[in-house]
Amino acid sequence: MATSDREVRKLKASVQSLQSALATIAGDIEQIAGSAGSAGAAGLEHTKAKLEDIREQIGDLVSDQVDRAEEMGQSVKKSVVENPMAALAAAFAAGVAAAILLRR
């Protein structure tokens, strides 16, 4: 469970990093368009809108994935609590399979 929590935190940090990078790009584009004059203003607004759409899509996608990961973690935790012997047997079988595969 600790691994899934760590992965969720990494995913959230990655999203924040992407959002920050998009904000930096938007600022750079704004500076370039400002030096281009009024002809670049319309293009700047269009580009800013597209960047904002991309940022929202990334945020939505990551949010959905984080929710799914948390649900899966809770589901696994519930299964282990309800069926500890089955969980132990599955872990043992996975360990045996890994040992066989790694021995080759």
PDB file of N, CA and C in Angstrom:
ATOM      1  N   MET A   1       0.819  -1.186   0.000  1.00  0.00           N
ATOM      2  CA  MET A   1       0.000   0.000   0.000  1.00  0.00           C
ATOM      3  C   MET A   1       0.865   1.253   0.000  1.00  0.00           C
ATOM      4  N   ALA A   2       2.011   1.193   0.694  1.00  0.00           N
ATOM      5  CA  ALA A   2       2.911   2.338   0.737  1.00  0.00           C
ATOM      6  C   ALA A   2       3.425   2.678  -0.658  1.00  0.00           C
ATOM      7  N   THR A   3       3.632   1.651  -1.468  1.00  0.00           N
ATOM      8  CA  THR A   3       4.116   1.878  -2.826  1.00  0.00           C
ATOM      9  C   THR A   3       3.081   2.643  -3.639  1.00  0.00           C
ATOM     10  N   SER A   4       1.804   2.272  -3.523  1.00  0.00           N
ATOM     11  CA  SER A   4       0.782   2.970  -4.294  1.00  0.00           C
ATOM     12  C   SER A   4       0.645   4.410  -3.817  1.00  0.00           C
ATOM     13  N   ASP A   5       0.770   4.657  -2.517  1.00  0.00           N
ATOM     14  CA  ASP A   5       0.726   6.028  -2.013  1.00  0.00           C
ATOM     15  C   ASP A   5       1.887   6.838  -2.564  1.00  0.00           C
ATOM     16  N   ARG A   6       3.063   6.220  -2.620  1.00  0.00           N
ATOM     17  CA  ARG A   6       4.243   6.887  -3.146  1.00  0.00           C
ATOM     18  C   ARG A   6       4.051   7.208  -4.632  1.00  0.00           C
ATOM     19  N   GLU A   7       3.469   6.266  -5.363  1.00  0.00           N
ATOM     20  CA  GLU A   7       3.224   6.477  -6.787  1.00  0.00           C
ATOM     21  C   GLU A   7       2.208   7.595  -7.013  1.00  0.00           C
ATOM     22  N   VAL A   8       1.192   7.658  -6.178  1.00  0.00           N
ATOM     23  CA  VAL A   8       0.195   8.724  -6.291  1.00  0.00           C
ATOM     24  C   VAL A   8       0.857  10.077  -6.044  1.00  0.00           C
ATOM     25  N   ARG A   9       1.720  10.152  -5.036  1.00  0.00           N
ATOM     26  CA  ARG A   9       2.418  11.415  -4.765  1.00  0.00           C
ATOM     27  C   ARG A   9       3.322  11.802  -5.923  1.00  0.00           C
ATOM     28  N   LYS A  10       4.005  10.815  -6.517  1.00  0.00           N
ATOM     29  CA  LYS A  10       4.861  11.096  -7.679  1.00  0.00           C
ATOM     30  C   LYS A  10       4.039  11.614  -8.841  1.00  0.00           C
ATOM     31  N   LEU A  11       2.882  10.997  -9.073  1.00  0.00           N
ATOM     32  CA  LEU A  11       2.006  11.398 -10.161  1.00  0.00           C
ATOM     33  C   LEU A  11       1.513  12.820  -9.956  1.00  0.00           C
ATOM     34  N   LYS A  12       1.118  13.145  -8.742  1.00  0.00           N
ATOM     35  CA  LYS A  12       0.659  14.506  -8.447  1.00  0.00           C
ATOM     36  C   LYS A  12       1.790  15.518  -8.657  1.00  0.00           C
ATOM     37  N   ALA A  13       2.989  15.167  -8.228  1.00  0.00           N
ATOM     38  CA  ALA A  13       4.134  16.069  -8.411  1.00  0.00           C
ATOM     39  C   ALA A  13       4.433  16.265  -9.890  1.00  0.00           C
ATOM     40  N   SER A  14       4.316  15.201 -10.677  1.00  0.00           N
ATOM     41  CA  SER A  14       4.545  15.303 -12.114  1.00  0.00           C
ATOM     42  C   SER A  14       3.528  16.219 -12.769  1.00  0.00           C
ATOM     43  N   VAL A  15       2.287  16.118 -12.349  1.00  0.00           N
ATOM     44  CA  VAL A  15       1.238  16.978 -12.906  1.00  0.00           C
ATOM     45  C   VAL A  15       1.522  18.437 -12.563  1.00  0.00           C
ATOM     46  N   GLN A  16       1.902  18.686 -11.332  1.00  0.00           N
ATOM     47  CA  GLN A  16       2.212  20.055 -10.942  1.00  0.00           C
ATOM     48  C   GLN A  16       3.388  20.591 -11.744  1.00  0.00           C
ATOM     49  N   SER A  17       4.357  19.754 -11.998  1.00  0.00           N
ATOM     50  CA  SER A  17       5.505  20.154 -12.800  1.00  0.00           C
ATOM     51  C   SER A  17       5.086  20.484 -14.229  1.00  0.00           C
ATOM     52  N   LEU A  18       4.224  19.645 -14.801  1.00  0.00           N
ATOM     53  CA  LEU A  18       3.718  19.906 -16.155  1.00  0.00           C
ATOM     54  C   LEU A  18       2.924  21.204 -16.207  1.00  0.00           C
ATOM     55  N   GLN A  19       2.092  21.429 -15.220  1.00  0.00           N
ATOM     56  CA  GLN A  19       1.309  22.653 -15.194  1.00  0.00           C
ATOM     57  C   GLN A  19       2.211  23.874 -15.072  1.00  0.00           C
ATOM     58  N   SER A  20       3.249  23.772 -14.289  1.00  0.00           N
ATOM     59  CA  SER A  20       4.199  24.869 -14.147  1.00  0.00           C
ATOM     60  C   SER A  20       4.923  25.139 -15.461  1.00  0.00           C
ATOM     61  N   ALA A  21       5.305  24.055 -16.145  1.00  0.00           N
ATOM     62  CA  ALA A  21       5.978  24.205 -17.438  1.00  0.00           C
ATOM     63  C   ALA A  21       5.053  24.861 -18.461  1.00  0.00           C
ATOM     64  N   LEU A  22       3.791  24.472 -18.456  1.00  0.00           N
ATOM     65  CA  LEU A  22       2.836  25.095 -19.371  1.00  0.00           C
ATOM     66  C   LEU A  22       2.665  26.583 -19.069  1.00  0.00           C
ATOM     67  N   ALA A  23       2.652  26.934 -17.800  1.00  0.00           N
ATOM     68  CA  ALA A  23       2.536  28.344 -17.424  1.00  0.00           C
ATOM     69  C   ALA A  23       3.754  29.128 -17.896  1.00  0.00           C
ATOM     70  N   THR A  24       4.923  28.531 -17.787  1.00  0.00           N
ATOM     71  CA  THR A  24       6.151  29.175 -18.265  1.00  0.00           C
ATOM     72  C   THR A  24       6.102  29.378 -19.769  1.00  0.00           C
ATOM     73  N   ILE A  25       5.642  28.355 -20.488  1.00  0.00           N
ATOM     74  CA  ILE A  25       5.519  28.454 -21.944  1.00  0.00           C
ATOM     75  C   ILE A  25       4.548  29.560 -22.319  1.00  0.00           C
ATOM     76  N   ALA A  26       3.433  29.629 -21.610  1.00  0.00           N
ATOM     77  CA  ALA A  26       2.451  30.680 -21.889  1.00  0.00           C
ATOM     78  C   ALA A  26       3.070  32.066 -21.680  1.00  0.00           C
ATOM     79  N   GLY A  27       3.854  32.217 -20.625  1.00  0.00           N
ATOM     80  CA  GLY A  27       4.534  33.493 -20.371  1.00  0.00           C
ATOM     81  C   GLY A  27       5.519  33.835 -21.465  1.00  0.00           C
ATOM     82  N   ASP A  28       6.268  32.852 -21.927  1.00  0.00           N
ATOM     83  CA  ASP A  28       7.221  33.077 -23.021  1.00  0.00           C
ATOM     84  C   ASP A  28       6.509  33.504 -24.295  1.00  0.00           C
ATOM     85  N   ILE A  29       5.412  32.832 -24.591  1.00  0.00           N
ATOM     86  CA  ILE A  29       4.642  33.168 -25.800  1.00  0.00           C
ATOM     87  C   ILE A  29       4.099  34.588 -25.692  1.00  0.00           C
ATOM     88  N   GLU A  30       3.660  34.955 -24.504  1.00  0.00           N
ATOM     89  CA  GLU A  30       3.130  36.304 -24.292  1.00  0.00           C
ATOM     90  C   GLU A  30       4.208  37.353 -24.536  1.00  0.00           C
ATOM     91  N   GLN A  31       5.418  37.091 -24.078  1.00  0.00           N
ATOM     92  CA  GLN A  31       6.523  38.020 -24.304  1.00  0.00           C
ATOM     93  C   GLN A  31       6.838  38.150 -25.790  1.00  0.00           C
ATOM     94  N   ILE A  32       6.863  37.029 -26.481  1.00  0.00           N
ATOM     95  CA  ILE A  32       7.154  37.038 -27.921  1.00  0.00           C
ATOM     96  C   ILE A  32       6.075  37.802 -28.669  1.00  0.00           C
ATOM     97  N   ALA A  33       4.828  37.528 -28.322  1.00  0.00           N
ATOM     98  CA  ALA A  33       3.717  38.200 -29.001  1.00  0.00           C
ATOM     99  C   ALA A  33       3.716  39.692 -28.698  1.00  0.00           C
ATOM    100  N   GLY A  34       4.110  40.054 -27.495  1.00  0.00           N
ATOM    101  CA  GLY A  34       4.165  41.473 -27.135  1.00  0.00           C
ATOM    102  C   GLY A  34       5.178  42.213 -27.984  1.00  0.00           C
ATOM    103  N   SER A  35       6.263  41.559 -28.306  1.00  0.00           N
ATOM    104  CA  SER A  35       7.271  42.197 -29.148  1.00  0.00           C
ATOM    105  C   SER A  35       6.868  42.176 -30.616  1.00  0.00           C
ATOM    106  N   ALA A  36       5.910  41.311 -30.986  1.00  0.00           N
ATOM    107  CA  ALA A  36       5.466  41.227 -32.375  1.00  0.00           C
ATOM    108  C   ALA A  36       4.427  42.295 -32.706  1.00  0.00           C
ATOM    109  N   GLY A  37       3.855  42.944 -31.712  1.00  0.00           N
ATOM    110  CA  GLY A  37       2.873  43.996 -31.952  1.00  0.00           C
ATOM    111  C   GLY A  37       1.460  43.457 -31.987  1.00  0.00           C
ATOM    112  N   SER A  38       0.563  44.278 -32.533  1.00  0.00           N
ATOM    113  CA  SER A  38      -0.852  43.926 -32.516  1.00  0.00           C
ATOM    114  C   SER A  38      -1.179  42.752 -33.433  1.00  0.00           C
ATOM    115  N   ALA A  39      -0.357  42.492 -34.426  1.00  0.00           N
ATOM    116  CA  ALA A  39      -0.618  41.371 -35.333  1.00  0.00           C
ATOM    117  C   ALA A  39      -0.524  40.043 -34.596  1.00  0.00           C
ATOM    118  N   GLY A  40       0.329  39.989 -33.593  1.00  0.00           N
ATOM    119  CA  GLY A  40       0.493  38.748 -32.846  1.00  0.00           C
ATOM    120  C   GLY A  40      -0.495  38.593 -31.704  1.00  0.00           C
ATOM    121  N   ALA A  41      -1.267  39.629 -31.402  1.00  0.00           N
ATOM    122  CA  ALA A  41      -2.188  39.579 -30.261  1.00  0.00           C
ATOM    123  C   ALA A  41      -3.274  38.526 -30.452  1.00  0.00           C
ATOM    124  N   ALA A  42      -3.844  38.458 -31.655  1.00  0.00           N
ATOM    125  CA  ALA A  42      -4.894  37.468 -31.914  1.00  0.00           C
ATOM    126  C   ALA A  42      -4.329  36.054 -31.819  1.00  0.00           C
ATOM    127  N   GLY A  43      -3.154  35.860 -32.386  1.00  0.00           N
ATOM    128  CA  GLY A  43      -2.504  34.554 -32.312  1.00  0.00           C
ATOM    129  C   GLY A  43      -2.154  34.192 -30.876  1.00  0.00           C
ATOM    130  N   LEU A  44      -1.775  35.179 -30.102  1.00  0.00           N
ATOM    131  CA  LEU A  44      -1.437  34.956 -28.702  1.00  0.00           C
ATOM    132  C   LEU A  44      -2.659  34.473 -27.924  1.00  0.00           C
ATOM    133  N   GLU A  45      -3.773  35.114 -28.100  1.00  0.00           N
ATOM    134  CA  GLU A  45      -4.984  34.716 -27.390  1.00  0.00           C
ATOM    135  C   GLU A  45      -5.401  33.299 -27.766  1.00  0.00           C
ATOM    136  N   HIS A  46      -5.292  32.979 -29.047  1.00  0.00           N
ATOM    137  CA  HIS A  46      -5.636  31.629 -29.509  1.00  0.00           C
ATOM    138  C   HIS A  46      -4.706  30.598 -28.877  1.00  0.00           C
ATOM    139  N   THR A  47      -3.417  30.908 -28.856  1.00  0.00           N
ATOM    140  CA  THR A  47      -2.426  29.995 -28.285  1.00  0.00           C
ATOM    141  C   THR A  47      -2.637  29.831 -26.778  1.00  0.00           C
ATOM    142  N   LYS A  48      -2.940  30.941 -26.103  1.00  0.00           N
ATOM    143  CA  LYS A  48      -3.191  30.866 -24.666  1.00  0.00           C
ATOM    144  C   LYS A  48      -4.406  29.982 -24.362  1.00  0.00           C
ATOM    145  N   ALA A  49      -5.436  30.107 -25.180  1.00  0.00           N
ATOM    146  CA  ALA A  49      -6.634  29.295 -24.982  1.00  0.00           C
ATOM    147  C   ALA A  49      -6.323  27.820 -25.177  1.00  0.00           C
ATOM    148  N   LYS A  50      -5.537  27.513 -26.206  1.00  0.00           N
ATOM    149  CA  LYS A  50      -5.167  26.116 -26.453  1.00  0.00           C
ATOM    150  C   LYS A  50      -4.325  25.567 -25.307  1.00  0.00           C
ATOM    151  N   LEU A  51      -3.374  26.350 -24.814  1.00  0.00           N
ATOM    152  CA  LEU A  51      -2.542  25.911 -23.694  1.00  0.00           C
ATOM    153  C   LEU A  51      -3.394  25.658 -22.448  1.00  0.00           C
ATOM    154  N   GLU A  52      -4.353  26.521 -22.204  1.00  0.00           N
ATOM    155  CA  GLU A  52      -5.229  26.340 -21.045  1.00  0.00           C
ATOM    156  C   GLU A  52      -6.060  25.067 -21.198  1.00  0.00           C
ATOM    157  N   ASP A  53      -6.546  24.802 -22.406  1.00  0.00           N
ATOM    158  CA  ASP A  53      -7.297  23.566 -22.662  1.00  0.00           C
ATOM    159  C   ASP A  53      -6.428  22.343 -22.406  1.00  0.00           C
ATOM    160  N   ILE A  54      -5.193  22.394 -22.863  1.00  0.00           N
ATOM    161  CA  ILE A  54      -4.268  21.270 -22.664  1.00  0.00           C
ATOM    162  C   ILE A  54      -4.007  21.070 -21.180  1.00  0.00           C
ATOM    163  N   ARG A  55      -3.797  22.156 -20.469  1.00  0.00           N
ATOM    164  CA  ARG A  55      -3.523  22.055 -19.038  1.00  0.00           C
ATOM    165  C   ARG A  55      -4.723  21.449 -18.306  1.00  0.00           C
ATOM    166  N   GLU A  56      -5.929  21.845 -18.676  1.00  0.00           N
ATOM    167  CA  GLU A  56      -7.126  21.286 -18.052  1.00  0.00           C
ATOM    168  C   GLU A  56      -7.272  19.800 -18.372  1.00  0.00           C
ATOM    169  N   GLN A  57      -6.984  19.425 -19.623  1.00  0.00           N
ATOM    170  CA  GLN A  57      -7.091  18.020 -20.010  1.00  0.00           C
ATOM    171  C   GLN A  57      -6.094  17.168 -19.238  1.00  0.00           C
ATOM    172  N   ILE A  58      -4.870  17.668 -19.096  1.00  0.00           N
ATOM    173  CA  ILE A  58      -3.854  16.933 -18.339  1.00  0.00           C
ATOM    174  C   ILE A  58      -4.296  16.789 -16.889  1.00  0.00           C
ATOM    175  N   GLY A  59      -4.789  17.872 -16.318  1.00  0.00           N
ATOM    176  CA  GLY A  59      -5.253  17.823 -14.930  1.00  0.00           C
ATOM    177  C   GLY A  59      -6.388  16.830 -14.741  1.00  0.00           C
ATOM    178  N   ASP A  60      -7.349  16.837 -15.674  1.00  0.00           N
ATOM    179  CA  ASP A  60      -8.473  15.901 -15.594  1.00  0.00           C
ATOM    180  C   ASP A  60      -8.000  14.457 -15.726  1.00  0.00           C
ATOM    181  N   LEU A  61      -7.109  14.223 -16.672  1.00  0.00           N
ATOM    182  CA  LEU A  61      -6.598  12.875 -16.900  1.00  0.00           C
ATOM    183  C   LEU A  61      -5.862  12.354 -15.666  1.00  0.00           C
ATOM    184  N   VAL A  62      -5.006  13.164 -15.119  1.00  0.00           N
ATOM    185  CA  VAL A  62      -4.239  12.741 -13.945  1.00  0.00           C
ATOM    186  C   VAL A  62      -5.161  12.553 -12.748  1.00  0.00           C
ATOM    187  N   SER A  63      -6.109  13.444 -12.601  1.00  0.00           N
ATOM    188  CA  SER A  63      -7.060  13.317 -11.496  1.00  0.00           C
ATOM    189  C   SER A  63      -7.818  11.998 -11.588  1.00  0.00           C
ATOM    190  N   ASP A  64      -8.245  11.650 -12.798  1.00  0.00           N
ATOM    191  CA  ASP A  64      -8.948  10.376 -12.990  1.00  0.00           C
ATOM    192  C   ASP A  64      -8.043   9.199 -12.645  1.00  0.00           C
ATOM    193  N   GLN A  65      -6.792   9.256 -13.081  1.00  0.00           N
ATOM    194  CA  GLN A  65      -5.867   8.160 -12.820  1.00  0.00           C
ATOM    195  C   GLN A  65      -5.551   8.043 -11.330  1.00  0.00           C
ATOM    196  N   VAL A  66      -5.413   9.167 -10.658  1.00  0.00           N
ATOM    197  CA  VAL A  66      -5.157   9.152  -9.216  1.00  0.00           C
ATOM    198  C   VAL A  66      -6.345   8.535  -8.495  1.00  0.00           C
ATOM    199  N   ASP A  67      -7.551   8.927  -8.902  1.00  0.00           N
ATOM    200  CA  ASP A  67      -8.753   8.352  -8.285  1.00  0.00           C
ATOM    201  C   ASP A  67      -8.810   6.845  -8.497  1.00  0.00           C
ATOM    202  N   ARG A  68      -8.508   6.408  -9.705  1.00  0.00           N
ATOM    203  CA  ARG A  68      -8.512   4.964  -9.994  1.00  0.00           C
ATOM    204  C   ARG A  68      -7.482   4.226  -9.148  1.00  0.00           C
ATOM    205  N   ALA A  69      -6.287   4.804  -9.042  1.00  0.00           N
ATOM    206  CA  ALA A  69      -5.231   4.160  -8.253  1.00  0.00           C
ATOM    207  C   ALA A  69      -5.640   4.052  -6.792  1.00  0.00           C
ATOM    208  N   GLU A  70      -6.247   5.109  -6.269  1.00  0.00           N
ATOM    209  CA  GLU A  70      -6.692   5.071  -4.875  1.00  0.00           C
ATOM    210  C   GLU A  70      -7.793   4.034  -4.683  1.00  0.00           C
ATOM    211  N   GLU A  71      -8.722   3.948  -5.642  1.00  0.00           N
ATOM    212  CA  GLU A  71      -9.792   2.948  -5.558  1.00  0.00           C
ATOM    213  C   GLU A  71      -9.232   1.530  -5.614  1.00  0.00           C
ATOM    214  N   MET A  72      -8.260   1.319  -6.510  1.00  0.00           N
ATOM    215  CA  MET A  72      -7.649  -0.006  -6.613  1.00  0.00           C
ATOM    216  C   MET A  72      -6.929  -0.366  -5.321  1.00  0.00           C
ATOM    217  N   GLY A  73      -6.225   0.593  -4.749  1.00  0.00           N
ATOM    218  CA  GLY A  73      -5.525   0.346  -3.492  1.00  0.00           C
ATOM    219  C   GLY A  73      -6.491  -0.022  -2.386  1.00  0.00           C
ATOM    220  N   GLN A  74      -7.599   0.696  -2.310  1.00  0.00           N
ATOM    221  CA  GLN A  74      -8.609   0.388  -1.294  1.00  0.00           C
ATOM    222  C   GLN A  74      -9.227  -0.986  -1.538  1.00  0.00           C
ATOM    223  N   SER A  75      -9.447  -1.314  -2.811  1.00  0.00           N
ATOM    224  CA  SER A  75     -10.023  -2.610  -3.159  1.00  0.00           C
ATOM    225  C   SER A  75      -9.089  -3.755  -2.756  1.00  0.00           C
ATOM    226  N   VAL A  76      -7.815  -3.583  -3.051  1.00  0.00           N
ATOM    227  CA  VAL A  76      -6.833  -4.612  -2.689  1.00  0.00           C
ATOM    228  C   VAL A  76      -6.749  -4.746  -1.169  1.00  0.00           C
ATOM    229  N   LYS A  77      -6.718  -3.614  -0.496  1.00  0.00           N
ATOM    230  CA  LYS A  77      -6.650  -3.641   0.971  1.00  0.00           C
ATOM    231  C   LYS A  77      -7.865  -4.357   1.552  1.00  0.00           C
ATOM    232  N   LYS A  78      -9.044  -4.076   1.009  1.00  0.00           N
ATOM    233  CA  LYS A  78     -10.275  -4.717   1.487  1.00  0.00           C
ATOM    234  C   LYS A  78     -10.233  -6.222   1.227  1.00  0.00           C
ATOM    235  N   SER A  79      -9.744  -6.614   0.037  1.00  0.00           N
ATOM    236  CA  SER A  79      -9.656  -8.034  -0.299  1.00  0.00           C
ATOM    237  C   SER A  79      -8.714  -8.772   0.643  1.00  0.00           C
ATOM    238  N   VAL A  80      -7.598  -8.143   0.964  1.00  0.00           N
ATOM    239  CA  VAL A  80      -6.628  -8.773   1.859  1.00  0.00           C
ATOM    240  C   VAL A  80      -7.211  -8.918   3.255  1.00  0.00           C
ATOM    241  N   VAL A  81      -7.913  -7.879   3.712  1.00  0.00           N
ATOM    242  CA  VAL A  81      -8.513  -7.941   5.047  1.00  0.00           C
ATOM    243  C   VAL A  81      -9.599  -9.017   5.101  1.00  0.00           C
ATOM    244  N   GLU A  82     -10.413  -9.116   4.046  1.00  0.00           N
ATOM    245  CA  GLU A  82     -11.506 -10.089   4.031  1.00  0.00           C
ATOM    246  C   GLU A  82     -11.021 -11.516   3.800  1.00  0.00           C
ATOM    247  N   ASN A  83      -9.947 -11.689   3.044  1.00  0.00           N
ATOM    248  CA  ASN A  83      -9.443 -13.030   2.709  1.00  0.00           C
ATOM    249  C   ASN A  83      -7.933 -13.094   2.911  1.00  0.00           C
ATOM    250  N   PRO A  84      -7.469 -13.078   4.147  1.00  0.00           N
ATOM    251  CA  PRO A  84      -6.019 -13.056   4.367  1.00  0.00           C
ATOM    252  C   PRO A  84      -5.305 -14.319   3.866  1.00  0.00           C
ATOM    253  N   MET A  85      -5.939 -15.468   3.978  1.00  0.00           N
ATOM    254  CA  MET A  85      -5.288 -16.702   3.524  1.00  0.00           C
ATOM    255  C   MET A  85      -5.162 -16.722   2.001  1.00  0.00           C
ATOM    256  N   ALA A  86      -6.186 -16.275   1.306  1.00  0.00           N
ATOM    257  CA  ALA A  86      -6.118 -16.223  -0.155  1.00  0.00           C
ATOM    258  C   ALA A  86      -5.041 -15.235  -0.591  1.00  0.00           C
ATOM    259  N   ALA A  87      -4.934 -14.103   0.110  1.00  0.00           N
ATOM    260  CA  ALA A  87      -3.909 -13.111  -0.213  1.00  0.00           C
ATOM    261  C   ALA A  87      -2.512 -13.684   0.026  1.00  0.00           C
ATOM    262  N   LEU A  88      -2.364 -14.419   1.113  1.00  0.00           N
ATOM    263  CA  LEU A  88      -1.082 -15.044   1.427  1.00  0.00           C
ATOM    264  C   LEU A  88      -0.718 -16.085   0.370  1.00  0.00           C
ATOM    265  N   ALA A  89      -1.698 -16.886  -0.034  1.00  0.00           N
ATOM    266  CA  ALA A  89      -1.457 -17.900  -1.061  1.00  0.00           C
ATOM    267  C   ALA A  89      -1.087 -17.249  -2.395  1.00  0.00           C
ATOM    268  N   ALA A  90      -1.766 -16.166  -2.750  1.00  0.00           N
ATOM    269  CA  ALA A  90      -1.461 -15.470  -4.004  1.00  0.00           C
ATOM    270  C   ALA A  90      -0.059 -14.873  -3.964  1.00  0.00           C
ATOM    271  N   ALA A  91       0.316 -14.279  -2.818  1.00  0.00           N
ATOM    272  CA  ALA A  91       1.656 -13.713  -2.677  1.00  0.00           C
ATOM    273  C   ALA A  91       2.719 -14.807  -2.765  1.00  0.00           C
ATOM    274  N   PHE A  92       2.453 -15.940  -2.143  1.00  0.00           N
ATOM    275  CA  PHE A  92       3.390 -17.058  -2.199  1.00  0.00           C
ATOM    276  C   PHE A  92       3.551 -17.550  -3.637  1.00  0.00           C
ATOM    277  N   ALA A  93       2.422 -17.713  -4.339  1.00  0.00           N
ATOM    278  CA  ALA A  93       2.469 -18.179  -5.729  1.00  0.00           C
ATOM    279  C   ALA A  93       3.233 -17.188  -6.607  1.00  0.00           C
ATOM    280  N   ALA A  94       3.013 -15.903  -6.388  1.00  0.00           N
ATOM    281  CA  ALA A  94       3.730 -14.892  -7.168  1.00  0.00           C
ATOM    282  C   ALA A  94       5.226 -14.951  -6.871  1.00  0.00           C
ATOM    283  N   GLY A  95       5.578 -15.181  -5.619  1.00  0.00           N
ATOM    284  CA  GLY A  95       6.990 -15.306  -5.253  1.00  0.00           C
ATOM    285  C   GLY A  95       7.642 -16.516  -5.895  1.00  0.00           C
ATOM    286  N   VAL A  96       6.929 -17.636  -5.905  1.00  0.00           N
ATOM    287  CA  VAL A  96       7.465 -18.852  -6.536  1.00  0.00           C
ATOM    288  C   VAL A  96       7.652 -18.620  -8.041  1.00  0.00           C
ATOM    289  N   ALA A  97       6.644 -18.018  -8.671  1.00  0.00           N
ATOM    290  CA  ALA A  97       6.733 -17.741 -10.115  1.00  0.00           C
ATOM    291  C   ALA A  97       7.909 -16.814 -10.414  1.00  0.00           C
ATOM    292  N   ALA A  98       8.083 -15.770  -9.595  1.00  0.00           N
ATOM    293  CA  ALA A  98       9.188 -14.841  -9.809  1.00  0.00           C
ATOM    294  C   ALA A  98      10.529 -15.545  -9.632  1.00  0.00           C
ATOM    295  N   ALA A  99      10.607 -16.401  -8.631  1.00  0.00           N
ATOM    296  CA  ALA A  99      11.853 -17.139  -8.398  1.00  0.00           C
ATOM    297  C   ALA A  99      12.184 -18.039  -9.573  1.00  0.00           C
ATOM    298  N   ILE A 100      11.178 -18.712 -10.118  1.00  0.00           N
ATOM    299  CA  ILE A 100      11.403 -19.582 -11.274  1.00  0.00           C
ATOM    300  C   ILE A 100      11.860 -18.782 -12.484  1.00  0.00           C
ATOM    301  N   LEU A 101      11.208 -17.654 -12.717  1.00  0.00           N
ATOM    302  CA  LEU A 101      11.559 -16.820 -13.872  1.00  0.00           C
ATOM    303  C   LEU A 101      12.950 -16.193 -13.724  1.00  0.00           C
ATOM    304  N   LEU A 102      13.305 -15.794 -12.513  1.00  0.00           N
ATOM    305  CA  LEU A 102      14.601 -15.145 -12.296  1.00  0.00           C
ATOM    306  C   LEU A 102      15.748 -16.152 -12.299  1.00  0.00           C
ATOM    307  N   ARG A 103      15.457 -17.397 -12.046  1.00  0.00           N
ATOM    308  CA  ARG A 103      16.491 -18.413 -12.021  1.00  0.00           C
ATOM    309  C   ARG A 103      17.000 -18.710 -13.427  1.00  0.00           C
ATOM    310  N   ARG A 104      16.201 -18.462 -14.420  1.00  0.00           N
ATOM    311  CA  ARG A 104      16.585 -18.815 -15.807  1.00  0.00           C
ATOM    312  C   ARG A 104      17.601 -17.904 -16.355  1.00  0.00           C
TER     313      ARG A 104
END
